[in-house]
Every structure is written in structure tokens, then in C-alpha cells.
Amino acid sequence: MIYKKTGLPEDSEIVMCTVTKIQYSSVFVKIDEYGISGMIHISEIAAGRIRNIRDYVKEGKKVCCKVLRIHRDKGHVDLSLRRVTDSQRRNKVNQLKMEQKAESILEYVAKQNKLDFKKIYLDFSVPILKEYEYIHHAFEDVVAKECDLLKIVKADKKVLDQVIDLVNVRFKPQEIEITGVLKLTTYEGNGVEVVRDALK
């Protein structure tokens, strides 16, 4: 995945990391989205006593972590593995899958037109990431007719049209289910009829 963020992560942000080095009392990782290193202390690996840290992490393994502290002067980040909930982990993995899906559309269009993928990626990502956190968020808005890529991205019209066509095929509009409870009360003698008539 090409997607990268600049600067340092925010406190409490959920980030995807790759384990680079395991020591007796800590694990060193590369924070994939930012391209910087971070550290997970043994107390933040899992709840309870840990006999062997390698039972929980392995070098090269991808792990989802929560940002605890940022040492801005050193550019160093303290992370926690145990404070990430299952739903946060699922959301992060899903976000990254959707971003890979968005990148695969740009890569496909680049190949079809014999163009450099990195150039196409920059043509789309630079203007989109000024308004959105991820490229796939813009693509979801394109499908929902809430974003006009032609106004945001300054790229070749043919390439833009191909990307928009693929986005409309590969991304589906989000379905949102809204539920509620309606409570009707009446003190009339013929209450059932009154309620029934009110609902017609």
C-alpha cells in the first residue's frame, strides 16, 4: 500500500504496525501509515503476567496498536496492543482494505493507459487528501453523488472518466438502517380504534 500520513499520529489514534524487533521487556514496531518507529512495553502487550513475549508477537507480524504517548522531541511513540478493542481492530483493518481497493483502481487505470502508477496516485491523492482522510472516503462520496472528482482532481479527462466508472462499479453506496420505537398513548374508551386511525 502506498498510502502514507505525514507528521506524527494523534494521542489515542489506532494505527497498524509491523513488528521489527522483540526484546525481553519491549517490542519495537514500524508504524506503517507514518513510516516511523514506535515501542510497546511488555505491560501493554496483554493483560496479566506475560511469561514469554513471543507468544503474543512475532517479527514481521502486523499488529493494531493504540497511541499512548508521543515524545515529539525524539519523534518516538509509545503504543499499546492490549488497549485496542476488537471493534477498533476490525474498523482499522476494514479501513486499510478499502484504501487498498481504492489504490487498486488507480493502479488498474494506470496499467490500462500505460502510465506510471505513482504519478497517477499522486495526481489523485494530493488533492483528495486535502479534503478527506483516505482516498476511499472520496470514492464512497462519488458513489453517493456527494463528490465530483472532476472538480477536485486535475488529471487527464480520459483517465478521470475511467476511474469514476470503476469507482461506481467497485464501490457500493452505504446502507444505513435506522430503527426507533413509537409509543402512542390515549385515555379514550375506544383507545384501540383511536390508535389504529392515527396510524392509517
Protein backbone atom coordinates (compact mmCIF):
# COMPACT_ATOMS: atom_id res chain seq x y z
CA MET A 1 0.00 0.00 0.00
CA ILE A 2 1.36 3.44 -0.96
CA TYR A 3 -0.86 5.50 1.38
CA LYS A 4 1.17 7.41 3.98
CA LYS A 5 0.36 10.11 6.51
CA THR A 6 2.73 12.94 7.34
CA GLY A 7 3.87 14.11 10.76
CA LEU A 8 3.13 12.17 13.94
CA PRO A 9 0.00 10.27 14.97
CA GLU A 10 -2.52 11.70 17.44
CA ASP A 11 -2.92 10.54 21.04
CA SER A 12 -5.31 7.53 21.21
CA GLU A 13 -5.16 7.02 17.42
CA ILE A 14 -5.41 3.40 16.26
CA VAL A 15 -2.51 2.55 13.95
CA MET A 16 -1.37 -0.52 12.01
CA CYS A 17 2.20 -1.56 12.79
CA THR A 18 4.76 -4.14 11.68
CA VAL A 19 6.84 -5.79 14.41
CA THR A 20 10.55 -5.17 13.71
CA LYS A 21 12.39 -6.24 16.88
CA ILE A 22 11.47 -8.17 20.04
CA GLN A 23 13.38 -7.69 23.28
CA TYR A 24 12.91 -9.12 26.77
CA SER A 25 10.62 -6.32 28.02
CA SER A 26 9.57 -4.44 24.89
CA VAL A 27 8.61 -4.74 21.24
CA PHE A 28 9.74 -2.31 18.55
CA VAL A 29 7.47 -1.69 15.58
CA LYS A 30 7.26 0.38 12.42
CA ILE A 31 4.04 2.41 12.26
CA ASP A 32 3.06 1.63 8.66
CA GLU A 33 0.99 4.74 7.86
CA TYR A 34 3.56 7.19 9.19
CA GLY A 35 6.79 5.35 8.40
CA ILE A 36 8.16 5.96 11.91
CA SER A 37 9.09 3.62 14.75
CA GLY A 38 7.28 3.01 18.00
CA MET A 39 7.65 0.87 21.09
CA ILE A 40 5.24 -1.38 23.01
CA HIS A 41 6.27 -2.03 26.62
CA ILE A 42 5.66 -5.58 27.89
CA SER A 43 2.92 -4.26 30.23
CA GLU A 44 0.99 -3.05 27.14
CA ILE A 45 1.17 -6.35 25.22
CA ALA A 46 -1.61 -8.18 27.07
CA ALA A 47 -3.44 -8.13 30.40
CA GLY A 48 -1.93 -10.28 33.16
CA ARG A 49 1.53 -11.73 33.58
CA ILE A 50 3.46 -12.49 30.41
CA ARG A 51 5.97 -15.34 30.61
CA ASN A 52 7.15 -15.24 27.01
CA ILE A 53 6.59 -12.10 24.93
CA ARG A 54 6.99 -14.17 21.72
CA ASP A 55 3.72 -15.98 22.49
CA TYR A 56 1.95 -12.71 21.57
CA VAL A 57 4.06 -11.14 18.82
CA LYS A 58 6.42 -12.28 16.08
CA GLU A 59 8.84 -10.30 13.94
CA GLY A 60 7.21 -9.27 10.67
CA LYS A 61 3.69 -9.68 12.09
CA LYS A 62 1.11 -6.89 11.57
CA VAL A 63 -0.48 -5.64 14.79
CA CYS A 64 -3.09 -2.99 15.55
CA CYS A 65 -1.99 -0.60 18.32
CA LYS A 66 -3.27 2.42 20.22
CA VAL A 67 -1.07 5.50 20.57
CA LEU A 68 -0.39 6.19 24.26
CA ARG A 69 2.24 8.94 24.27
CA ILE A 70 4.19 10.88 21.68
CA HIS A 71 7.67 12.15 22.52
CA ARG A 72 7.77 14.95 19.93
CA ASP A 73 11.36 15.96 20.72
CA LYS A 74 12.61 12.43 19.89
CA GLY A 75 9.92 11.54 17.32
CA HIS A 76 9.26 8.44 19.40
CA VAL A 77 5.83 6.89 20.02
CA ASP A 78 4.67 4.68 22.92
CA LEU A 79 2.00 2.18 21.87
CA SER A 80 -0.38 -0.33 23.42
CA LEU A 81 -1.52 -3.63 21.96
CA ARG A 82 -3.83 -4.64 24.80
CA ARG A 83 -5.91 -1.43 24.82
CA VAL A 84 -7.23 -1.98 21.28
CA THR A 85 -10.78 -3.39 21.30
CA ASP A 86 -11.98 -5.99 18.78
CA SER A 87 -14.26 -3.43 17.08
CA GLN A 88 -11.41 -0.89 16.77
CA ARG A 89 -9.19 -3.59 15.26
CA ARG A 90 -11.92 -4.62 12.79
CA ASN A 91 -12.57 -0.99 11.79
CA LYS A 92 -8.87 -0.32 11.20
CA VAL A 93 -8.37 -3.49 9.13
CA ASN A 94 -11.50 -2.66 7.12
CA GLN A 95 -10.30 0.92 6.52
CA LEU A 96 -6.97 -0.31 5.18
CA LYS A 97 -8.68 -2.92 2.96
CA MET A 98 -10.89 -0.19 1.48
CA GLU A 99 -7.84 2.00 0.88
CA GLN A 100 -6.10 -0.90 -0.91
CA LYS A 101 -9.24 -1.29 -3.02
CA ALA A 102 -9.09 2.41 -3.96
CA GLU A 103 -5.38 2.11 -4.82
CA SER A 104 -6.04 -0.99 -6.95
CA ILE A 105 -8.48 1.05 -9.08
CA LEU A 106 -5.81 3.70 -9.72
CA GLU A 107 -3.22 1.01 -10.44
CA TYR A 108 -5.52 -0.73 -12.94
CA VAL A 109 -6.25 2.53 -14.80
CA ALA A 110 -2.52 3.34 -14.88
CA LYS A 111 -1.76 -0.08 -16.45
CA GLN A 112 -4.59 0.25 -18.98
CA ASN A 113 -3.19 3.60 -20.15
CA LYS A 114 0.49 2.57 -19.87
CA LEU A 115 1.09 5.33 -17.32
CA ASP A 116 3.24 5.47 -14.18
CA PHE A 117 1.12 4.30 -11.22
CA LYS A 118 2.93 6.55 -8.72
CA LYS A 119 2.23 9.63 -10.87
CA ILE A 120 -1.47 8.72 -11.19
CA TYR A 121 -1.60 8.06 -7.45
CA LEU A 122 -0.11 11.50 -6.69
CA ASP A 123 -2.45 13.21 -9.19
CA PHE A 124 -5.42 11.80 -7.28
CA SER A 125 -4.15 11.54 -3.70
CA VAL A 126 -2.70 15.04 -3.23
CA PRO A 127 -5.95 16.97 -3.91
CA ILE A 128 -8.21 14.30 -2.36
CA LEU A 129 -6.24 14.02 0.91
CA LYS A 130 -6.60 17.78 1.43
CA GLU A 131 -10.33 17.20 1.94
CA TYR A 132 -10.54 13.55 3.06
CA GLU A 133 -8.60 11.34 5.47
CA TYR A 134 -8.50 8.47 2.97
CA ILE A 135 -8.93 8.21 -0.82
CA HIS A 136 -11.67 5.60 -0.42
CA HIS A 137 -13.77 8.15 1.53
CA ALA A 138 -13.81 10.36 -1.57
CA PHE A 139 -14.69 7.36 -3.74
CA GLU A 140 -17.59 6.48 -1.42
CA ASP A 141 -18.83 10.08 -1.79
CA VAL A 142 -18.55 9.77 -5.59
CA VAL A 143 -20.91 6.77 -5.49
CA ALA A 144 -23.25 8.67 -3.14
CA LYS A 145 -23.20 11.61 -5.62
CA GLU A 146 -21.72 13.88 -2.92
CA CYS A 147 -18.32 14.39 -4.56
CA ASP A 148 -17.38 15.42 -8.09
CA LEU A 149 -13.85 14.16 -8.80
CA LEU A 150 -13.76 16.27 -11.96
CA LYS A 151 -13.74 19.40 -9.76
CA ILE A 152 -11.14 18.09 -7.28
CA VAL A 153 -8.62 16.17 -9.41
CA LYS A 154 -6.74 17.87 -12.26
CA ALA A 155 -5.86 14.84 -14.37
CA ASP A 156 -6.41 13.68 -17.94
CA LYS A 157 -10.17 13.58 -18.68
CA LYS A 158 -9.97 10.05 -20.12
CA VAL A 159 -8.18 8.76 -17.01
CA LEU A 160 -10.65 10.55 -14.71
CA ASP A 161 -13.63 9.06 -16.55
CA GLN A 162 -12.14 5.56 -16.31
CA VAL A 163 -11.52 5.96 -12.56
CA ILE A 164 -15.05 7.27 -11.96
CA ASP A 165 -16.56 4.36 -13.97
CA LEU A 166 -14.55 1.81 -11.95
CA VAL A 167 -15.40 3.51 -8.65
CA ASN A 168 -19.11 3.26 -9.49
CA VAL A 169 -18.68 -0.47 -10.23
CA ARG A 170 -16.40 -1.44 -7.30
CA PHE A 171 -17.87 0.74 -4.52
CA LYS A 172 -21.45 0.33 -3.35
CA PRO A 173 -23.49 3.05 -1.63
CA GLN A 174 -23.51 2.61 2.14
CA GLU A 175 -26.71 1.21 3.54
CA ILE A 176 -27.80 2.68 6.84
CA GLU A 177 -30.57 1.12 8.89
CA ILE A 178 -32.47 3.44 11.22
CA THR A 179 -34.68 1.96 13.91
CA GLY A 180 -36.87 3.56 16.51
CA VAL A 181 -39.68 2.96 18.96
CA LEU A 182 -43.01 4.75 18.61
CA LYS A 183 -45.18 4.90 21.72
CA LEU A 184 -48.79 6.05 21.45
CA THR A 185 -50.99 6.62 24.48
CA THR A 186 -54.67 7.54 24.70
CA TYR A 187 -57.13 7.66 27.59
CA GLU A 188 -60.23 7.40 25.40
CA GLY A 189 -62.64 4.50 25.97
CA ASN A 190 -62.20 3.39 22.36
CA GLY A 191 -58.37 3.67 22.54
CA VAL A 192 -57.60 0.83 20.13
CA GLU A 193 -59.69 2.46 17.38
CA VAL A 194 -58.16 5.90 18.05
CA VAL A 195 -54.60 4.50 17.78
CA ARG A 196 -55.49 2.47 14.68
CA ASP A 197 -56.97 5.55 12.99
CA ALA A 198 -53.92 7.64 13.93
CA LEU A 199 -51.62 5.11 12.20
CA LYS A 200 -53.59 4.98 8.94
